[in-house]
Amino acid sequence: MNAATVSALAGAIGVVAGALVSSVGVVLRERLVGRREREAQEALRLQQLADQRAAFQRDSILGLQEAIGELWSQSADGYNKAAQQQAKNGEWPRPDLTVMADFNKISARINALRARVFDDELRALTSDLLVRIWAGIEVSDWSQQPEHMIAAREPMNRLQERVNSLLKSLF
């Protein structure tokens, strides 16, 4: 073989080898980019799920807090109306839950929201508080209601603190 043929053959082998190395590099780079893209998409999907879960919990906790406040307020309103009647005629009236039908609706909403809350401590505080508020609503006469509501204050305060703590962690 003459020098020109060897030189041409070496050049051709060099071009083929360079093309092979370049192709392998492109394939490896594409695999790496594809894997990173899949990992980024998975991380984004997981973040979206976490954001949806946090939003669901925020909405549930805020709704629960509002409903408990509503039940508490209506119980106090019932007591105040009974106290006005007692001031007029000297006797405490018996609680009439048919006049305060919203108590049952609000309690049902509280129970539904409690079921949506993931935090066991908040769920337990809600159950305890609901029992105590209802004890103040179902008294034989309204003169007994204040002692039940006083007993419910401490669980109400603990519930509000737990709500505060959970909301801080969800924002």
N, C-alpha and C. Protein backbone atom coordinates (compact mmCIF):
# COMPACT_ATOMS: atom_id res chain seq x y z
N MET A 1 0.83 -1.16 0.00
CA MET A 1 0.00 0.00 0.00
C MET A 1 0.88 1.23 0.00
N ASN A 2 0.36 2.09 -0.72
CA ASN A 2 1.16 3.30 -0.80
C ASN A 2 0.74 4.28 0.28
N ALA A 3 1.47 5.29 0.46
CA ALA A 3 1.28 6.26 1.55
C ALA A 3 -0.02 7.02 1.39
N ALA A 4 -0.44 7.27 0.18
CA ALA A 4 -1.67 8.02 -0.05
C ALA A 4 -2.88 7.19 0.38
N THR A 5 -2.84 5.87 0.12
CA THR A 5 -3.95 5.00 0.49
C THR A 5 -4.02 4.85 2.00
N VAL A 6 -2.85 4.67 2.63
CA VAL A 6 -2.82 4.55 4.08
C VAL A 6 -3.35 5.84 4.70
N SER A 7 -2.94 6.93 4.15
CA SER A 7 -3.37 8.22 4.68
C SER A 7 -4.88 8.39 4.51
N ALA A 8 -5.42 7.99 3.36
CA ALA A 8 -6.86 8.09 3.11
C ALA A 8 -7.63 7.13 4.02
N LEU A 9 -7.09 5.92 4.19
CA LEU A 9 -7.72 4.94 5.07
C LEU A 9 -7.71 5.41 6.53
N ALA A 10 -6.59 5.97 6.97
CA ALA A 10 -6.49 6.50 8.33
C ALA A 10 -7.47 7.64 8.54
N GLY A 11 -7.61 8.48 7.54
CA GLY A 11 -8.56 9.60 7.63
C GLY A 11 -9.99 9.12 7.73
N ALA A 12 -10.31 8.07 6.89
CA ALA A 12 -11.66 7.52 6.92
C ALA A 12 -11.95 6.87 8.26
N ILE A 13 -10.98 6.10 8.79
CA ILE A 13 -11.15 5.48 10.11
C ILE A 13 -11.32 6.55 11.18
N GLY A 14 -10.59 7.61 11.10
CA GLY A 14 -10.70 8.71 12.05
C GLY A 14 -12.07 9.36 12.01
N VAL A 15 -12.60 9.55 10.79
CA VAL A 15 -13.93 10.15 10.64
C VAL A 15 -14.99 9.22 11.24
N VAL A 16 -14.88 7.91 10.94
CA VAL A 16 -15.84 6.94 11.47
C VAL A 16 -15.74 6.88 12.99
N ALA A 17 -14.54 6.83 13.53
CA ALA A 17 -14.35 6.78 14.98
C ALA A 17 -14.90 8.05 15.64
N GLY A 18 -14.64 9.20 15.04
CA GLY A 18 -15.15 10.46 15.57
C GLY A 18 -16.67 10.50 15.57
N ALA A 19 -17.25 9.98 14.48
CA ALA A 19 -18.71 9.94 14.39
C ALA A 19 -19.29 9.01 15.44
N LEU A 20 -18.62 7.87 15.65
CA LEU A 20 -19.08 6.92 16.68
C LEU A 20 -19.01 7.53 18.07
N VAL A 21 -17.89 8.14 18.39
CA VAL A 21 -17.72 8.77 19.70
C VAL A 21 -18.76 9.87 19.88
N SER A 22 -18.96 10.65 18.84
CA SER A 22 -19.94 11.73 18.91
C SER A 22 -21.35 11.18 19.10
N SER A 23 -21.70 10.10 18.40
CA SER A 23 -23.02 9.49 18.53
C SER A 23 -23.24 8.93 19.92
N VAL A 24 -22.24 8.24 20.46
CA VAL A 24 -22.35 7.71 21.81
C VAL A 24 -22.53 8.85 22.81
N GLY A 25 -21.80 9.93 22.62
CA GLY A 25 -21.93 11.10 23.50
C GLY A 25 -23.33 11.69 23.44
N VAL A 26 -23.88 11.79 22.23
CA VAL A 26 -25.23 12.35 22.06
C VAL A 26 -26.26 11.44 22.75
N VAL A 27 -26.14 10.12 22.56
CA VAL A 27 -27.08 9.18 23.18
C VAL A 27 -27.01 9.29 24.71
N LEU A 28 -25.80 9.29 25.25
CA LEU A 28 -25.65 9.40 26.71
C LEU A 28 -26.21 10.72 27.24
N ARG A 29 -25.94 11.80 26.51
CA ARG A 29 -26.44 13.11 26.94
C ARG A 29 -27.97 13.14 26.90
N GLU A 30 -28.57 12.56 25.87
CA GLU A 30 -30.03 12.52 25.75
C GLU A 30 -30.65 11.69 26.87
N ARG A 31 -30.02 10.58 27.21
CA ARG A 31 -30.52 9.76 28.32
C ARG A 31 -30.46 10.54 29.63
N LEU A 32 -29.35 11.24 29.85
CA LEU A 32 -29.18 12.02 31.07
C LEU A 32 -30.22 13.14 31.13
N VAL A 33 -30.40 13.84 30.03
CA VAL A 33 -31.39 14.93 29.98
C VAL A 33 -32.80 14.37 30.18
N GLY A 34 -33.10 13.23 29.55
CA GLY A 34 -34.41 12.60 29.71
C GLY A 34 -34.67 12.20 31.15
N ARG A 35 -33.67 11.62 31.80
CA ARG A 35 -33.82 11.21 33.19
C ARG A 35 -34.04 12.43 34.09
N ARG A 36 -33.26 13.48 33.85
CA ARG A 36 -33.43 14.70 34.66
C ARG A 36 -34.81 15.32 34.44
N GLU A 37 -35.27 15.28 33.21
CA GLU A 37 -36.59 15.83 32.90
C GLU A 37 -37.68 15.01 33.60
N ARG A 38 -37.57 13.68 33.58
CA ARG A 38 -38.54 12.83 34.27
C ARG A 38 -38.51 13.09 35.78
N GLU A 39 -37.32 13.24 36.34
CA GLU A 39 -37.19 13.52 37.77
C GLU A 39 -37.80 14.87 38.11
N ALA A 40 -37.58 15.85 37.25
CA ALA A 40 -38.16 17.19 37.49
C ALA A 40 -39.68 17.13 37.40
N GLN A 41 -40.22 16.38 36.44
CA GLN A 41 -41.67 16.25 36.30
C GLN A 41 -42.26 15.52 37.52
N GLU A 42 -41.57 14.51 38.00
CA GLU A 42 -42.03 13.78 39.18
C GLU A 42 -42.01 14.68 40.42
N ALA A 43 -40.95 15.46 40.56
CA ALA A 43 -40.87 16.40 41.69
C ALA A 43 -41.98 17.44 41.61
N LEU A 44 -42.27 17.92 40.42
CA LEU A 44 -43.35 18.89 40.23
C LEU A 44 -44.70 18.26 40.57
N ARG A 45 -44.91 17.02 40.13
CA ARG A 45 -46.16 16.32 40.44
C ARG A 45 -46.32 16.13 41.94
N LEU A 46 -45.25 15.73 42.62
CA LEU A 46 -45.30 15.55 44.07
C LEU A 46 -45.56 16.87 44.78
N GLN A 47 -44.97 17.95 44.28
CA GLN A 47 -45.20 19.27 44.88
C GLN A 47 -46.65 19.71 44.69
N GLN A 48 -47.20 19.43 43.51
CA GLN A 48 -48.60 19.77 43.25
C GLN A 48 -49.54 18.99 44.17
N LEU A 49 -49.24 17.72 44.39
CA LEU A 49 -50.05 16.91 45.32
C LEU A 49 -49.96 17.45 46.74
N ALA A 50 -48.75 17.81 47.16
CA ALA A 50 -48.56 18.38 48.50
C ALA A 50 -49.31 19.70 48.64
N ASP A 51 -49.27 20.52 47.59
CA ASP A 51 -49.99 21.80 47.62
C ASP A 51 -51.51 21.58 47.69
N GLN A 52 -52.01 20.59 46.94
CA GLN A 52 -53.44 20.29 46.97
C GLN A 52 -53.85 19.78 48.35
N ARG A 53 -53.03 18.94 48.93
CA ARG A 53 -53.31 18.39 50.26
C ARG A 53 -53.33 19.52 51.29
N ALA A 54 -52.35 20.42 51.21
CA ALA A 54 -52.29 21.55 52.16
C ALA A 54 -53.51 22.45 51.99
N ALA A 55 -53.91 22.72 50.76
CA ALA A 55 -55.09 23.57 50.51
C ALA A 55 -56.35 22.90 51.06
N PHE A 56 -56.47 21.59 50.85
CA PHE A 56 -57.61 20.84 51.37
C PHE A 56 -57.65 20.93 52.90
N GLN A 57 -56.52 20.77 53.54
CA GLN A 57 -56.47 20.85 55.00
C GLN A 57 -56.77 22.26 55.49
N ARG A 58 -56.19 23.27 54.84
CA ARG A 58 -56.48 24.66 55.24
C ARG A 58 -57.98 24.92 55.17
N ASP A 59 -58.60 24.56 54.04
CA ASP A 59 -60.04 24.80 53.88
C ASP A 59 -60.85 24.05 54.93
N SER A 60 -60.47 22.81 55.18
CA SER A 60 -61.19 22.00 56.18
C SER A 60 -61.03 22.58 57.58
N ILE A 61 -59.82 22.95 57.93
CA ILE A 61 -59.55 23.48 59.28
C ILE A 61 -60.25 24.82 59.47
N LEU A 62 -60.16 25.69 58.48
CA LEU A 62 -60.83 26.99 58.60
C LEU A 62 -62.35 26.84 58.66
N GLY A 63 -62.90 25.92 57.88
CA GLY A 63 -64.34 25.67 57.94
C GLY A 63 -64.76 25.11 59.29
N LEU A 64 -63.94 24.22 59.82
CA LEU A 64 -64.21 23.64 61.14
C LEU A 64 -64.18 24.73 62.21
N GLN A 65 -63.17 25.56 62.16
CA GLN A 65 -63.05 26.65 63.13
C GLN A 65 -64.27 27.58 63.06
N GLU A 66 -64.68 27.90 61.86
CA GLU A 66 -65.84 28.78 61.68
C GLU A 66 -67.12 28.13 62.21
N ALA A 67 -67.33 26.86 61.91
CA ALA A 67 -68.54 26.17 62.35
C ALA A 67 -68.59 26.04 63.87
N ILE A 68 -67.46 25.76 64.49
CA ILE A 68 -67.42 25.67 65.96
C ILE A 68 -67.74 27.03 66.57
N GLY A 69 -67.18 28.08 66.00
CA GLY A 69 -67.49 29.43 66.48
C GLY A 69 -68.97 29.76 66.34
N GLU A 70 -69.55 29.29 65.24
CA GLU A 70 -70.98 29.51 65.00
C GLU A 70 -71.83 28.79 66.05
N LEU A 71 -71.49 27.54 66.35
CA LEU A 71 -72.24 26.78 67.35
C LEU A 71 -72.10 27.44 68.72
N TRP A 72 -70.88 27.85 69.05
CA TRP A 72 -70.62 28.52 70.33
C TRP A 72 -71.45 29.80 70.42
N SER A 73 -71.45 30.58 69.36
CA SER A 73 -72.18 31.84 69.34
C SER A 73 -73.68 31.62 69.47
N GLN A 74 -74.22 30.64 68.77
CA GLN A 74 -75.65 30.38 68.86
C GLN A 74 -76.04 29.87 70.24
N SER A 75 -75.16 29.11 70.86
CA SER A 75 -75.43 28.66 72.23
C SER A 75 -75.49 29.87 73.17
N ALA A 76 -74.56 30.77 73.00
CA ALA A 76 -74.55 31.99 73.84
C ALA A 76 -75.80 32.83 73.56
N ASP A 77 -76.20 32.92 72.29
CA ASP A 77 -77.41 33.68 71.95
C ASP A 77 -78.64 33.05 72.61
N GLY A 78 -78.71 31.71 72.60
CA GLY A 78 -79.83 31.03 73.26
C GLY A 78 -79.87 31.34 74.74
N TYR A 79 -78.70 31.33 75.36
CA TYR A 79 -78.62 31.65 76.78
C TYR A 79 -79.06 33.10 77.03
N ASN A 80 -78.58 34.01 76.20
CA ASN A 80 -78.93 35.43 76.40
C ASN A 80 -80.44 35.67 76.26
N LYS A 81 -81.07 35.01 75.31
CA LYS A 81 -82.53 35.13 75.16
C LYS A 81 -83.24 34.56 76.39
N ALA A 82 -82.74 33.42 76.88
CA ALA A 82 -83.34 32.82 78.07
C ALA A 82 -83.14 33.73 79.28
N ALA A 83 -81.99 34.36 79.39
CA ALA A 83 -81.72 35.28 80.51
C ALA A 83 -82.66 36.48 80.45
N GLN A 84 -82.96 36.95 79.25
CA GLN A 84 -83.91 38.05 79.12
C GLN A 84 -85.30 37.63 79.59
N GLN A 85 -85.70 36.41 79.24
CA GLN A 85 -87.00 35.91 79.71
C GLN A 85 -87.00 35.75 81.22
N GLN A 86 -85.90 35.27 81.77
CA GLN A 86 -85.79 35.09 83.22
C GLN A 86 -85.88 36.43 83.92
N ALA A 87 -85.30 37.45 83.33
CA ALA A 87 -85.35 38.79 83.92
C ALA A 87 -86.78 39.34 83.90
N LYS A 88 -87.56 38.98 82.90
CA LYS A 88 -88.94 39.46 82.80
C LYS A 88 -89.88 38.75 83.76
N ASN A 89 -89.79 37.39 83.80
CA ASN A 89 -90.79 36.67 84.60
C ASN A 89 -90.21 35.91 85.79
N GLY A 90 -88.92 35.99 86.01
CA GLY A 90 -88.30 35.38 87.18
C GLY A 90 -88.01 33.90 87.08
N GLU A 91 -88.32 33.26 85.96
CA GLU A 91 -88.05 31.83 85.80
C GLU A 91 -87.23 31.59 84.55
N TRP A 92 -86.35 30.61 84.68
CA TRP A 92 -85.56 30.21 83.51
C TRP A 92 -86.41 29.31 82.62
N PRO A 93 -86.43 29.59 81.33
CA PRO A 93 -87.19 28.71 80.43
C PRO A 93 -86.41 27.43 80.16
N ARG A 94 -87.14 26.43 79.74
CA ARG A 94 -86.48 25.19 79.31
C ARG A 94 -85.94 25.43 77.90
N PRO A 95 -84.80 24.84 77.59
CA PRO A 95 -84.28 24.98 76.22
C PRO A 95 -85.25 24.34 75.22
N ASP A 96 -85.48 25.03 74.14
CA ASP A 96 -86.36 24.53 73.08
C ASP A 96 -85.52 24.40 71.81
N LEU A 97 -85.06 23.21 71.55
CA LEU A 97 -84.17 22.99 70.41
C LEU A 97 -84.89 23.12 69.08
N THR A 98 -86.23 23.09 69.08
CA THR A 98 -86.94 23.28 67.82
C THR A 98 -86.80 24.73 67.36
N VAL A 99 -86.65 25.65 68.31
CA VAL A 99 -86.44 27.06 67.96
C VAL A 99 -85.01 27.26 67.44
N MET A 100 -84.11 26.40 67.88
CA MET A 100 -82.69 26.51 67.50
C MET A 100 -82.28 25.31 66.65
N ALA A 101 -83.00 25.12 65.56
CA ALA A 101 -82.76 23.95 64.71
C ALA A 101 -81.38 23.97 64.06
N ASP A 102 -80.78 25.14 63.97
CA ASP A 102 -79.45 25.24 63.36
C ASP A 102 -78.39 24.49 64.15
N PHE A 103 -78.63 24.25 65.44
CA PHE A 103 -77.64 23.51 66.24
C PHE A 103 -77.32 22.16 65.60
N ASN A 104 -78.36 21.47 65.17
CA ASN A 104 -78.13 20.15 64.56
C ASN A 104 -77.42 20.27 63.22
N LYS A 105 -77.79 21.26 62.42
CA LYS A 105 -77.15 21.45 61.12
C LYS A 105 -75.67 21.81 61.30
N ILE A 106 -75.41 22.69 62.22
CA ILE A 106 -74.02 23.10 62.46
C ILE A 106 -73.21 21.93 63.02
N SER A 107 -73.80 21.18 63.91
CA SER A 107 -73.10 20.02 64.47
C SER A 107 -72.79 18.99 63.38
N ALA A 108 -73.73 18.80 62.47
CA ALA A 108 -73.49 17.87 61.36
C ALA A 108 -72.35 18.38 60.48
N ARG A 109 -72.32 19.69 60.24
CA ARG A 109 -71.23 20.28 59.45
C ARG A 109 -69.90 20.13 60.18
N ILE A 110 -69.90 20.32 61.49
CA ILE A 110 -68.67 20.15 62.28
C ILE A 110 -68.18 18.72 62.17
N ASN A 111 -69.08 17.76 62.30
CA ASN A 111 -68.67 16.35 62.20
C ASN A 111 -68.13 16.01 60.82
N ALA A 112 -68.74 16.56 59.78
CA ALA A 112 -68.24 16.32 58.42
C ALA A 112 -66.85 16.93 58.24
N LEU A 113 -66.67 18.15 58.73
CA LEU A 113 -65.36 18.80 58.60
C LEU A 113 -64.31 18.09 59.46
N ARG A 114 -64.72 17.64 60.64
CA ARG A 114 -63.79 16.91 61.51
C ARG A 114 -63.28 15.65 60.81
N ALA A 115 -64.13 15.01 60.05
CA ALA A 115 -63.74 13.80 59.33
C ALA A 115 -62.72 14.10 58.22
N ARG A 116 -62.71 15.34 57.73
CA ARG A 116 -61.78 15.72 56.66
C ARG A 116 -60.42 16.16 57.19
N VAL A 117 -60.33 16.42 58.48
CA VAL A 117 -59.08 16.89 59.08
C VAL A 117 -58.17 15.69 59.34
N PHE A 118 -56.93 15.78 58.93
CA PHE A 118 -55.98 14.68 59.09
C PHE A 118 -55.34 14.64 60.48
N ASP A 119 -55.33 15.75 61.19
CA ASP A 119 -54.64 15.83 62.47
C ASP A 119 -55.49 15.20 63.58
N ASP A 120 -54.98 14.14 64.18
CA ASP A 120 -55.73 13.41 65.22
C ASP A 120 -55.99 14.25 66.45
N GLU A 121 -55.05 15.09 66.83
CA GLU A 121 -55.24 15.93 68.02
C GLU A 121 -56.39 16.92 67.80
N LEU A 122 -56.44 17.53 66.63
CA LEU A 122 -57.52 18.47 66.34
C LEU A 122 -58.86 17.74 66.27
N ARG A 123 -58.86 16.55 65.72
CA ARG A 123 -60.10 15.76 65.68
C ARG A 123 -60.59 15.45 67.09
N ALA A 124 -59.69 15.07 67.98
CA ALA A 124 -60.07 14.75 69.36
C ALA A 124 -60.56 16.00 70.10
N LEU A 125 -59.86 17.11 69.91
CA LEU A 125 -60.29 18.36 70.56
C LEU A 125 -61.68 18.77 70.07
N THR A 126 -61.93 18.58 68.79
CA THR A 126 -63.23 18.93 68.22
C THR A 126 -64.33 18.07 68.85
N SER A 127 -64.09 16.78 68.96
CA SER A 127 -65.09 15.89 69.57
C SER A 127 -65.38 16.29 71.01
N ASP A 128 -64.32 16.54 71.78
CA ASP A 128 -64.47 16.93 73.18
C ASP A 128 -65.25 18.23 73.29
N LEU A 129 -64.89 19.20 72.48
CA LEU A 129 -65.55 20.50 72.54
C LEU A 129 -67.01 20.40 72.13
N LEU A 130 -67.30 19.62 71.11
CA LEU A 130 -68.67 19.45 70.66
C LEU A 130 -69.53 18.85 71.77
N VAL A 131 -69.02 17.86 72.47
CA VAL A 131 -69.74 17.24 73.59
C VAL A 131 -70.01 18.29 74.68
N ARG A 132 -69.01 19.10 74.97
CA ARG A 132 -69.17 20.10 76.03
C ARG A 132 -70.15 21.21 75.65
N ILE A 133 -70.10 21.65 74.41
CA ILE A 133 -71.05 22.69 73.98
C ILE A 133 -72.47 22.12 74.03
N TRP A 134 -72.64 20.89 73.54
CA TRP A 134 -73.97 20.29 73.58
C TRP A 134 -74.45 20.07 75.01
N ALA A 135 -73.54 19.82 75.93
CA ALA A 135 -73.94 19.68 77.34
C ALA A 135 -74.54 21.01 77.82
N GLY A 136 -74.02 22.12 77.32
CA GLY A 136 -74.57 23.43 77.67
C GLY A 136 -75.88 23.73 76.96
N ILE A 137 -76.10 23.11 75.82
CA ILE A 137 -77.33 23.33 75.06
C ILE A 137 -78.46 22.46 75.60
N GLU A 138 -78.14 21.26 76.04
CA GLU A 138 -79.16 20.30 76.45
C GLU A 138 -79.44 20.32 77.95
N VAL A 139 -79.22 21.43 78.60
CA VAL A 139 -79.49 21.54 80.03
C VAL A 139 -81.01 21.51 80.27
N SER A 140 -81.38 21.17 81.49
CA SER A 140 -82.82 21.12 81.79
C SER A 140 -83.40 22.53 81.87
N ASP A 141 -82.61 23.50 82.33
CA ASP A 141 -82.99 24.90 82.18
C ASP A 141 -81.72 25.72 81.97
N TRP A 142 -81.90 26.87 81.39
CA TRP A 142 -80.76 27.68 80.92
C TRP A 142 -79.88 28.18 82.06
N SER A 143 -80.35 28.14 83.28
CA SER A 143 -79.51 28.62 84.39
C SER A 143 -78.26 27.74 84.54
N GLN A 144 -78.31 26.51 84.05
CA GLN A 144 -77.17 25.60 84.15
C GLN A 144 -76.16 25.78 83.01
N GLN A 145 -76.54 26.51 81.98
CA GLN A 145 -75.70 26.61 80.80
C GLN A 145 -74.34 27.26 81.05
N PRO A 146 -74.24 28.33 81.84
CA PRO A 146 -72.93 28.97 82.01
C PRO A 146 -71.84 28.03 82.54
N GLU A 147 -72.18 27.15 83.48
CA GLU A 147 -71.15 26.25 84.01
C GLU A 147 -70.62 25.31 82.93
N HIS A 148 -71.48 24.90 82.01
CA HIS A 148 -71.04 24.02 80.92
C HIS A 148 -70.16 24.79 79.92
N MET A 149 -70.53 26.02 79.66
CA MET A 149 -69.74 26.81 78.71
C MET A 149 -68.39 27.20 79.32
N ILE A 150 -68.37 27.42 80.62
CA ILE A 150 -67.09 27.70 81.29
C ILE A 150 -66.19 26.47 81.18
N ALA A 151 -66.77 25.29 81.35
CA ALA A 151 -66.00 24.05 81.22
C ALA A 151 -65.53 23.84 79.78
N ALA A 152 -66.23 24.41 78.82
CA ALA A 152 -65.86 24.25 77.41
C ALA A 152 -64.80 25.25 76.97
N ARG A 153 -64.56 26.29 77.76
CA ARG A 153 -63.58 27.32 77.36
C ARG A 153 -62.18 26.78 77.18
N GLU A 154 -61.73 25.96 78.12
CA GLU A 154 -60.36 25.44 78.06
C GLU A 154 -60.15 24.57 76.81
N PRO A 155 -61.05 23.62 76.49
CA PRO A 155 -60.88 22.88 75.24
C PRO A 155 -60.99 23.78 74.00
N MET A 156 -61.83 24.81 74.09
CA MET A 156 -61.96 25.76 72.97
C MET A 156 -60.63 26.48 72.75
N ASN A 157 -60.00 26.92 73.83
CA ASN A 157 -58.70 27.60 73.71
C ASN A 157 -57.63 26.66 73.15
N ARG A 158 -57.62 25.41 73.62
CA ARG A 158 -56.64 24.43 73.11
C ARG A 158 -56.89 24.15 71.63
N LEU A 159 -58.16 24.07 71.25
CA LEU A 159 -58.50 23.84 69.85
C LEU A 159 -57.99 25.02 69.00
N GLN A 160 -58.22 26.23 69.45
CA GLN A 160 -57.78 27.41 68.68
C GLN A 160 -56.25 27.43 68.55
N GLU A 161 -55.55 27.05 69.60
CA GLU A 161 -54.08 26.99 69.54
C GLU A 161 -53.63 25.92 68.55
N ARG A 162 -54.31 24.79 68.54
CA ARG A 162 -53.95 23.72 67.60
C ARG A 162 -54.22 24.16 66.16
N VAL A 163 -55.33 24.84 65.95
CA VAL A 163 -55.65 25.38 64.62
C VAL A 163 -54.55 26.33 64.18
N ASN A 164 -54.14 27.20 65.09
CA ASN A 164 -53.07 28.16 64.78
C ASN A 164 -51.80 27.44 64.37
N SER A 165 -51.41 26.45 65.13
CA SER A 165 -50.20 25.69 64.84
C SER A 165 -50.28 24.98 63.49
N LEU A 166 -51.42 24.36 63.22
CA LEU A 166 -51.57 23.64 61.95
C LEU A 166 -51.57 24.59 60.76
N LEU A 167 -52.25 25.72 60.91
CA LEU A 167 -52.30 26.68 59.79
C LEU A 167 -50.92 27.25 59.48
N LYS A 168 -50.13 27.50 60.52
CA LYS A 168 -48.76 27.97 60.29
C LYS A 168 -47.96 26.97 59.46
N SER A 169 -48.16 25.71 59.74
CA SER A 169 -47.39 24.69 59.01
C SER A 169 -47.91 24.48 57.59
N LEU A 170 -49.12 24.92 57.30
CA LEU A 170 -49.71 24.70 55.97
C LEU A 170 -49.52 25.89 55.04
N PHE A 171 -48.95 26.98 55.52
CA PHE A 171 -48.72 28.14 54.65
C PHE A 171 -47.25 28.28 54.35
